[in-house]
Amino acid sequence: MPAVFLLLRSLVIRLLGSRAAGSVVQFLRRGLSRAAVHLGTALRNIWDHVRSQQSKEAVLGCVLCILNMHKKVEN
């Protein structure tokens, strides 16, 4: 295993074992929350500008497909 990966692995282990892990988790949670808000706003804007029912169904199908792919990755 290259030395860089060993260094990164040991750094991650130390980070997870330290008190800083809680603050890192909070930072990531806030960042993901903000990203979700921006994504929701963008989807609302797209939804408002799309006129036809067929186009709205296509947008909804894409969103559901992305969410379904994300769910498979978690498992």
PDB file of N, CA and C in Angstrom:
ATOM      1  N   MET A   1       0.859  -1.176   0.000  1.00  0.00           N
ATOM      2  CA  MET A   1       0.000   0.000   0.000  1.00  0.00           C
ATOM      3  C   MET A   1       0.904   1.237   0.000  1.00  0.00           C
ATOM      4  N   PRO A   2       0.645   2.178  -0.891  1.00  0.00           N
ATOM      5  CA  PRO A   2       1.485   3.380  -0.930  1.00  0.00           C
ATOM      6  C   PRO A   2       1.453   4.135   0.393  1.00  0.00           C
ATOM      7  N   ALA A   3       2.539   4.827   0.669  1.00  0.00           N
ATOM      8  CA  ALA A   3       2.687   5.548   1.928  1.00  0.00           C
ATOM      9  C   ALA A   3       1.616   6.614   2.105  1.00  0.00           C
ATOM     10  N   VAL A   4       1.152   7.214   1.012  1.00  0.00           N
ATOM     11  CA  VAL A   4       0.130   8.266   1.101  1.00  0.00           C
ATOM     12  C   VAL A   4      -1.162   7.697   1.667  1.00  0.00           C
ATOM     13  N   PHE A   5      -1.533   6.513   1.210  1.00  0.00           N
ATOM     14  CA  PHE A   5      -2.766   5.904   1.700  1.00  0.00           C
ATOM     15  C   PHE A   5      -2.642   5.512   3.174  1.00  0.00           C
ATOM     16  N   LEU A   6      -1.470   5.046   3.559  1.00  0.00           N
ATOM     17  CA  LEU A   6      -1.261   4.713   4.972  1.00  0.00           C
ATOM     18  C   LEU A   6      -1.351   5.968   5.838  1.00  0.00           C
ATOM     19  N   LEU A   7      -0.781   7.054   5.347  1.00  0.00           N
ATOM     20  CA  LEU A   7      -0.842   8.313   6.079  1.00  0.00           C
ATOM     21  C   LEU A   7      -2.277   8.807   6.197  1.00  0.00           C
ATOM     22  N   LEU A   8      -3.021   8.750   5.092  1.00  0.00           N
ATOM     23  CA  LEU A   8      -4.420   9.176   5.116  1.00  0.00           C
ATOM     24  C   LEU A   8      -5.250   8.297   6.043  1.00  0.00           C
ATOM     25  N   ARG A   9      -4.990   7.007   6.012  1.00  0.00           N
ATOM     26  CA  ARG A   9      -5.736   6.089   6.876  1.00  0.00           C
ATOM     27  C   ARG A   9      -5.481   6.393   8.346  1.00  0.00           C
ATOM     28  N   SER A  10      -4.230   6.616   8.691  1.00  0.00           N
ATOM     29  CA  SER A  10      -3.928   6.922  10.087  1.00  0.00           C
ATOM     30  C   SER A  10      -4.514   8.272  10.493  1.00  0.00           C
ATOM     31  N   LEU A  11      -4.521   9.225   9.574  1.00  0.00           N
ATOM     32  CA  LEU A  11      -5.116  10.531   9.860  1.00  0.00           C
ATOM     33  C   LEU A  11      -6.617  10.414  10.105  1.00  0.00           C
ATOM     34  N   VAL A  12      -7.290   9.615   9.291  1.00  0.00           N
ATOM     35  CA  VAL A  12      -8.732   9.420   9.458  1.00  0.00           C
ATOM     36  C   VAL A  12      -9.026   8.715  10.782  1.00  0.00           C
ATOM     37  N   ILE A  13      -8.215   7.733  11.137  1.00  0.00           N
ATOM     38  CA  ILE A  13      -8.416   7.018  12.398  1.00  0.00           C
ATOM     39  C   ILE A  13      -8.237   7.966  13.577  1.00  0.00           C
ATOM     40  N   ARG A  14      -7.220   8.805  13.518  1.00  0.00           N
ATOM     41  CA  ARG A  14      -7.010   9.780  14.601  1.00  0.00           C
ATOM     42  C   ARG A  14      -8.150  10.785  14.672  1.00  0.00           C
ATOM     43  N   LEU A  15      -8.599  11.224  13.507  1.00  0.00           N
ATOM     44  CA  LEU A  15      -9.680  12.203  13.464  1.00  0.00           C
ATOM     45  C   LEU A  15     -10.954  11.630  14.064  1.00  0.00           C
ATOM     46  N   LEU A  16     -11.267  10.401  13.704  1.00  0.00           N
ATOM     47  CA  LEU A  16     -12.485   9.780  14.222  1.00  0.00           C
ATOM     48  C   LEU A  16     -12.399   9.539  15.723  1.00  0.00           C
ATOM     49  N   GLY A  17     -11.206   9.350  16.221  1.00  0.00           N
ATOM     50  CA  GLY A  17     -11.039   9.117  17.640  1.00  0.00           C
ATOM     51  C   GLY A  17     -10.924  10.395  18.459  1.00  0.00           C
ATOM     52  N   SER A  18     -10.855  11.514  17.814  1.00  0.00           N
ATOM     53  CA  SER A  18     -10.657  12.766  18.544  1.00  0.00           C
ATOM     54  C   SER A  18     -11.968  13.503  18.758  1.00  0.00           C
ATOM     55  N   ARG A  19     -11.868  14.562  19.519  1.00  0.00           N
ATOM     56  CA  ARG A  19     -13.044  15.408  19.748  1.00  0.00           C
ATOM     57  C   ARG A  19     -13.425  16.190  18.505  1.00  0.00           C
ATOM     58  N   ALA A  20     -12.473  16.371  17.618  1.00  0.00           N
ATOM     59  CA  ALA A  20     -12.742  17.131  16.393  1.00  0.00           C
ATOM     60  C   ALA A  20     -13.741  16.418  15.491  1.00  0.00           C
ATOM     61  N   ALA A  21     -13.894  15.124  15.690  1.00  0.00           N
ATOM     62  CA  ALA A  21     -14.815  14.374  14.839  1.00  0.00           C
ATOM     63  C   ALA A  21     -16.234  14.920  14.945  1.00  0.00           C
ATOM     64  N   GLY A  22     -16.655  15.289  16.154  1.00  0.00           N
ATOM     65  CA  GLY A  22     -18.002  15.844  16.327  1.00  0.00           C
ATOM     66  C   GLY A  22     -18.191  17.132  15.567  1.00  0.00           C
ATOM     67  N   SER A  23     -17.186  17.998  15.599  1.00  0.00           N
ATOM     68  CA  SER A  23     -17.313  19.264  14.875  1.00  0.00           C
ATOM     69  C   SER A  23     -17.270  19.056  13.370  1.00  0.00           C
ATOM     70  N   VAL A  24     -16.482  18.069  12.923  1.00  0.00           N
ATOM     71  CA  VAL A  24     -16.440  17.761  11.490  1.00  0.00           C
ATOM     72  C   VAL A  24     -17.798  17.234  11.026  1.00  0.00           C
ATOM     73  N   VAL A  25     -18.391  16.385  11.831  1.00  0.00           N
ATOM     74  CA  VAL A  25     -19.707  15.841  11.482  1.00  0.00           C
ATOM     75  C   VAL A  25     -20.739  16.967  11.415  1.00  0.00           C
ATOM     76  N   GLN A  26     -20.705  17.886  12.375  1.00  0.00           N
ATOM     77  CA  GLN A  26     -21.640  19.019  12.365  1.00  0.00           C
ATOM     78  C   GLN A  26     -21.425  19.887  11.136  1.00  0.00           C
ATOM     79  N   PHE A  27     -20.163  20.113  10.778  1.00  0.00           N
ATOM     80  CA  PHE A  27     -19.852  20.910   9.587  1.00  0.00           C
ATOM     81  C   PHE A  27     -20.404  20.246   8.332  1.00  0.00           C
ATOM     82  N   LEU A  28     -20.198  18.943   8.209  1.00  0.00           N
ATOM     83  CA  LEU A  28     -20.710  18.215   7.045  1.00  0.00           C
ATOM     84  C   LEU A  28     -22.236  18.221   7.020  1.00  0.00           C
ATOM     85  N   ARG A  29     -22.853  18.069   8.193  1.00  0.00           N
ATOM     86  CA  ARG A  29     -24.306  18.066   8.262  1.00  0.00           C
ATOM     87  C   ARG A  29     -24.876  19.414   7.818  1.00  0.00           C
ATOM     88  N   ARG A  30     -24.252  20.513   8.293  1.00  0.00           N
ATOM     89  CA  ARG A  30     -24.713  21.844   7.880  1.00  0.00           C
ATOM     90  C   ARG A  30     -24.513  22.054   6.387  1.00  0.00           C
ATOM     91  N   GLY A  31     -23.371  21.602   5.871  1.00  0.00           N
ATOM     92  CA  GLY A  31     -23.100  21.745   4.439  1.00  0.00           C
ATOM     93  C   GLY A  31     -24.100  20.978   3.594  1.00  0.00           C
ATOM     94  N   LEU A  32     -24.402  19.751   4.007  1.00  0.00           N
ATOM     95  CA  LEU A  32     -25.379  18.957   3.267  1.00  0.00           C
ATOM     96  C   LEU A  32     -26.776  19.552   3.372  1.00  0.00           C
ATOM     97  N   SER A  33     -27.088  20.125   4.521  1.00  0.00           N
ATOM     98  CA  SER A  33     -28.389  20.760   4.698  1.00  0.00           C
ATOM     99  C   SER A  33     -28.524  21.962   3.764  1.00  0.00           C
ATOM    100  N   ARG A  34     -27.476  22.766   3.684  1.00  0.00           N
ATOM    101  CA  ARG A  34     -27.504  23.915   2.768  1.00  0.00           C
ATOM    102  C   ARG A  34     -27.621  23.460   1.319  1.00  0.00           C
ATOM    103  N   ALA A  35     -26.896  22.401   0.975  1.00  0.00           N
ATOM    104  CA  ALA A  35     -26.963  21.883  -0.398  1.00  0.00           C
ATOM    105  C   ALA A  35     -28.374  21.410  -0.719  1.00  0.00           C
ATOM    106  N   ALA A  36     -29.028  20.762   0.240  1.00  0.00           N
ATOM    107  CA  ALA A  36     -30.396  20.289   0.023  1.00  0.00           C
ATOM    108  C   ALA A  36     -31.348  21.467  -0.176  1.00  0.00           C
ATOM    109  N   VAL A  37     -31.141  22.550   0.572  1.00  0.00           N
ATOM    110  CA  VAL A  37     -31.988  23.737   0.413  1.00  0.00           C
ATOM    111  C   VAL A  37     -31.801  24.320  -0.975  1.00  0.00           C
ATOM    112  N   HIS A  38     -30.545  24.428  -1.428  1.00  0.00           N
ATOM    113  CA  HIS A  38     -30.288  24.978  -2.763  1.00  0.00           C
ATOM    114  C   HIS A  38     -30.862  24.080  -3.854  1.00  0.00           C
ATOM    115  N   LEU A  39     -30.741  22.781  -3.671  1.00  0.00           N
ATOM    116  CA  LEU A  39     -31.300  21.855  -4.656  1.00  0.00           C
ATOM    117  C   LEU A  39     -32.814  21.971  -4.698  1.00  0.00           C
ATOM    118  N   GLY A  40     -33.435  22.074  -3.533  1.00  0.00           N
ATOM    119  CA  GLY A  40     -34.892  22.235  -3.486  1.00  0.00           C
ATOM    120  C   GLY A  40     -35.343  23.502  -4.171  1.00  0.00           C
ATOM    121  N   THR A  41     -34.615  24.588  -3.966  1.00  0.00           N
ATOM    122  CA  THR A  41     -34.942  25.856  -4.617  1.00  0.00           C
ATOM    123  C   THR A  41     -34.791  25.743  -6.127  1.00  0.00           C
ATOM    124  N   ALA A  42     -33.710  25.111  -6.560  1.00  0.00           N
ATOM    125  CA  ALA A  42     -33.492  24.944  -7.997  1.00  0.00           C
ATOM    126  C   ALA A  42     -34.597  24.093  -8.622  1.00  0.00           C
ATOM    127  N   LEU A  43     -34.985  23.022  -7.940  1.00  0.00           N
ATOM    128  CA  LEU A  43     -36.055  22.172  -8.478  1.00  0.00           C
ATOM    129  C   LEU A  43     -37.390  22.910  -8.523  1.00  0.00           C
ATOM    130  N   ARG A  44     -37.663  23.741  -7.517  1.00  0.00           N
ATOM    131  CA  ARG A  44     -38.902  24.540  -7.550  1.00  0.00           C
ATOM    132  C   ARG A  44     -38.897  25.511  -8.719  1.00  0.00           C
ATOM    133  N   ASN A  45     -37.752  26.138  -8.975  1.00  0.00           N
ATOM    134  CA  ASN A  45     -37.664  27.070 -10.106  1.00  0.00           C
ATOM    135  C   ASN A  45     -37.862  26.349 -11.434  1.00  0.00           C
ATOM    136  N   ILE A  46     -37.254  25.183 -11.561  1.00  0.00           N
ATOM    137  CA  ILE A  46     -37.443  24.399 -12.793  1.00  0.00           C
ATOM    138  C   ILE A  46     -38.904  24.014 -12.933  1.00  0.00           C
ATOM    139  N   TRP A  47     -39.499  23.555 -11.840  1.00  0.00           N
ATOM    140  CA  TRP A  47     -40.897  23.119 -11.862  1.00  0.00           C
ATOM    141  C   TRP A  47     -41.821  24.256 -12.269  1.00  0.00           C
ATOM    142  N   ASP A  48     -41.552  25.465 -11.786  1.00  0.00           N
ATOM    143  CA  ASP A  48     -42.387  26.621 -12.119  1.00  0.00           C
ATOM    144  C   ASP A  48     -42.249  27.031 -13.576  1.00  0.00           C
ATOM    145  N   HIS A  49     -41.081  26.800 -14.175  1.00  0.00           N
ATOM    146  CA  HIS A  49     -40.866  27.221 -15.556  1.00  0.00           C
ATOM    147  C   HIS A  49     -41.305  26.182 -16.578  1.00  0.00           C
ATOM    148  N   VAL A  50     -41.452  24.944 -16.145  1.00  0.00           N
ATOM    149  CA  VAL A  50     -41.879  23.891 -17.062  1.00  0.00           C
ATOM    150  C   VAL A  50     -43.391  23.965 -17.193  1.00  0.00           C
ATOM    151  N   ARG A  51     -43.865  23.989 -18.417  1.00  0.00           N
ATOM    152  CA  ARG A  51     -45.303  24.175 -18.651  1.00  0.00           C
ATOM    153  C   ARG A  51     -46.066  22.867 -18.854  1.00  0.00           C
ATOM    154  N   SER A  52     -45.531  21.980 -19.669  1.00  0.00           N
ATOM    155  CA  SER A  52     -46.308  20.795 -20.034  1.00  0.00           C
ATOM    156  C   SER A  52     -46.236  19.718 -18.961  1.00  0.00           C
ATOM    157  N   GLN A  53     -47.300  18.966 -18.859  1.00  0.00           N
ATOM    158  CA  GLN A  53     -47.372  17.866 -17.897  1.00  0.00           C
ATOM    159  C   GLN A  53     -46.331  16.806 -18.220  1.00  0.00           C
ATOM    160  N   GLN A  54     -46.112  16.573 -19.504  1.00  0.00           N
ATOM    161  CA  GLN A  54     -45.135  15.561 -19.916  1.00  0.00           C
ATOM    162  C   GLN A  54     -43.721  15.954 -19.470  1.00  0.00           C
ATOM    163  N   SER A  55     -43.385  17.221 -19.584  1.00  0.00           N
ATOM    164  CA  SER A  55     -42.070  17.683 -19.143  1.00  0.00           C
ATOM    165  C   SER A  55     -41.939  17.594 -17.624  1.00  0.00           C
ATOM    166  N   LYS A  56     -43.015  17.920 -16.904  1.00  0.00           N
ATOM    167  CA  LYS A  56     -42.978  17.809 -15.449  1.00  0.00           C
ATOM    168  C   LYS A  56     -42.782  16.356 -15.026  1.00  0.00           C
ATOM    169  N   GLU A  57     -43.428  15.437 -15.712  1.00  0.00           N
ATOM    170  CA  GLU A  57     -43.254  14.022 -15.395  1.00  0.00           C
ATOM    171  C   GLU A  57     -41.821  13.569 -15.682  1.00  0.00           C
ATOM    172  N   ALA A  58     -41.204  14.123 -16.740  1.00  0.00           N
ATOM    173  CA  ALA A  58     -39.821  13.768 -17.063  1.00  0.00           C
ATOM    174  C   ALA A  58     -38.872  14.270 -15.977  1.00  0.00           C
ATOM    175  N   VAL A  59     -39.082  15.500 -15.493  1.00  0.00           N
ATOM    176  CA  VAL A  59     -38.249  16.047 -14.414  1.00  0.00           C
ATOM    177  C   VAL A  59     -38.417  15.202 -13.157  1.00  0.00           C
ATOM    178  N   LEU A  60     -39.647  14.886 -12.818  1.00  0.00           N
ATOM    179  CA  LEU A  60     -39.911  14.064 -11.637  1.00  0.00           C
ATOM    180  C   LEU A  60     -39.275  12.683 -11.775  1.00  0.00           C
ATOM    181  N   GLY A  61     -39.334  12.107 -12.964  1.00  0.00           N
ATOM    182  CA  GLY A  61     -38.710  10.806 -13.207  1.00  0.00           C
ATOM    183  C   GLY A  61     -37.207  10.861 -13.006  1.00  0.00           C
ATOM    184  N   CYS A  62     -36.571  11.949 -13.449  1.00  0.00           N
ATOM    185  CA  CYS A  62     -35.121  12.100 -13.257  1.00  0.00           C
ATOM    186  C   CYS A  62     -34.776  12.210 -11.776  1.00  0.00           C
ATOM    187  N   VAL A  63     -35.551  12.994 -11.045  1.00  0.00           N
ATOM    188  CA  VAL A  63     -35.290  13.149  -9.607  1.00  0.00           C
ATOM    189  C   VAL A  63     -35.464  11.813  -8.888  1.00  0.00           C
ATOM    190  N   LEU A  64     -36.511  11.088  -9.211  1.00  0.00           N
ATOM    191  CA  LEU A  64     -36.736   9.789  -8.574  1.00  0.00           C
ATOM    192  C   LEU A  64     -35.635   8.791  -8.922  1.00  0.00           C
ATOM    193  N   CYS A  65     -35.145   8.856 -10.156  1.00  0.00           N
ATOM    194  CA  CYS A  65     -34.056   7.971 -10.572  1.00  0.00           C
ATOM    195  C   CYS A  65     -32.791   8.266  -9.772  1.00  0.00           C
ATOM    196  N   ILE A  66     -32.480   9.548  -9.592  1.00  0.00           N
ATOM    197  CA  ILE A  66     -31.297   9.931  -8.821  1.00  0.00           C
ATOM    198  C   ILE A  66     -31.440   9.480  -7.371  1.00  0.00           C
ATOM    199  N   LEU A  67     -32.611   9.691  -6.793  1.00  0.00           N
ATOM    200  CA  LEU A  67     -32.826   9.262  -5.413  1.00  0.00           C
ATOM    201  C   LEU A  67     -32.731   7.751  -5.270  1.00  0.00           C
ATOM    202  N   ASN A  68     -33.229   7.016  -6.254  1.00  0.00           N
ATOM    203  CA  ASN A  68     -33.168   5.575  -6.220  1.00  0.00           C
ATOM    204  C   ASN A  68     -31.724   5.079  -6.331  1.00  0.00           C
ATOM    205  N   MET A  69     -30.918   5.740  -7.172  1.00  0.00           N
ATOM    206  CA  MET A  69     -29.507   5.365  -7.293  1.00  0.00           C
ATOM    207  C   MET A  69     -28.791   5.630  -5.979  1.00  0.00           C
ATOM    208  N   HIS A  70     -29.103   6.725  -5.309  1.00  0.00           N
ATOM    209  CA  HIS A  70     -28.480   7.054  -4.034  1.00  0.00           C
ATOM    210  C   HIS A  70     -28.827   6.009  -2.979  1.00  0.00           C
ATOM    211  N   LYS A  71     -30.049   5.545  -2.993  1.00  0.00           N
ATOM    212  CA  LYS A  71     -30.479   4.535  -2.027  1.00  0.00           C
ATOM    213  C   LYS A  71     -29.731   3.230  -2.232  1.00  0.00           C
ATOM    214  N   LYS A  72     -29.480   2.847  -3.480  1.00  0.00           N
ATOM    215  CA  LYS A  72     -28.760   1.610  -3.770  1.00  0.00           C
ATOM    216  C   LYS A  72     -27.311   1.699  -3.297  1.00  0.00           C
ATOM    217  N   VAL A  73     -26.715   2.880  -3.387  1.00  0.00           N
ATOM    218  CA  VAL A  73     -25.327   3.053  -2.967  1.00  0.00           C
ATOM    219  C   VAL A  73     -25.202   2.897  -1.463  1.00  0.00           C
ATOM    220  N   GLU A  74     -26.200   3.366  -0.708  1.00  0.00           N
ATOM    221  CA  GLU A  74     -26.155   3.267   0.748  1.00  0.00           C
ATOM    222  C   GLU A  74     -26.199   1.829   1.218  1.00  0.00           C
ATOM    223  N   ASN A  75     -26.937   0.983   0.487  1.00  0.00           N
ATOM    224  CA  ASN A  75     -27.062  -0.421   0.898  1.00  0.00           C
ATOM    225  C   ASN A  75     -25.780  -1.097   0.564  1.00  0.00           C
TER     226      ASN A  75
END
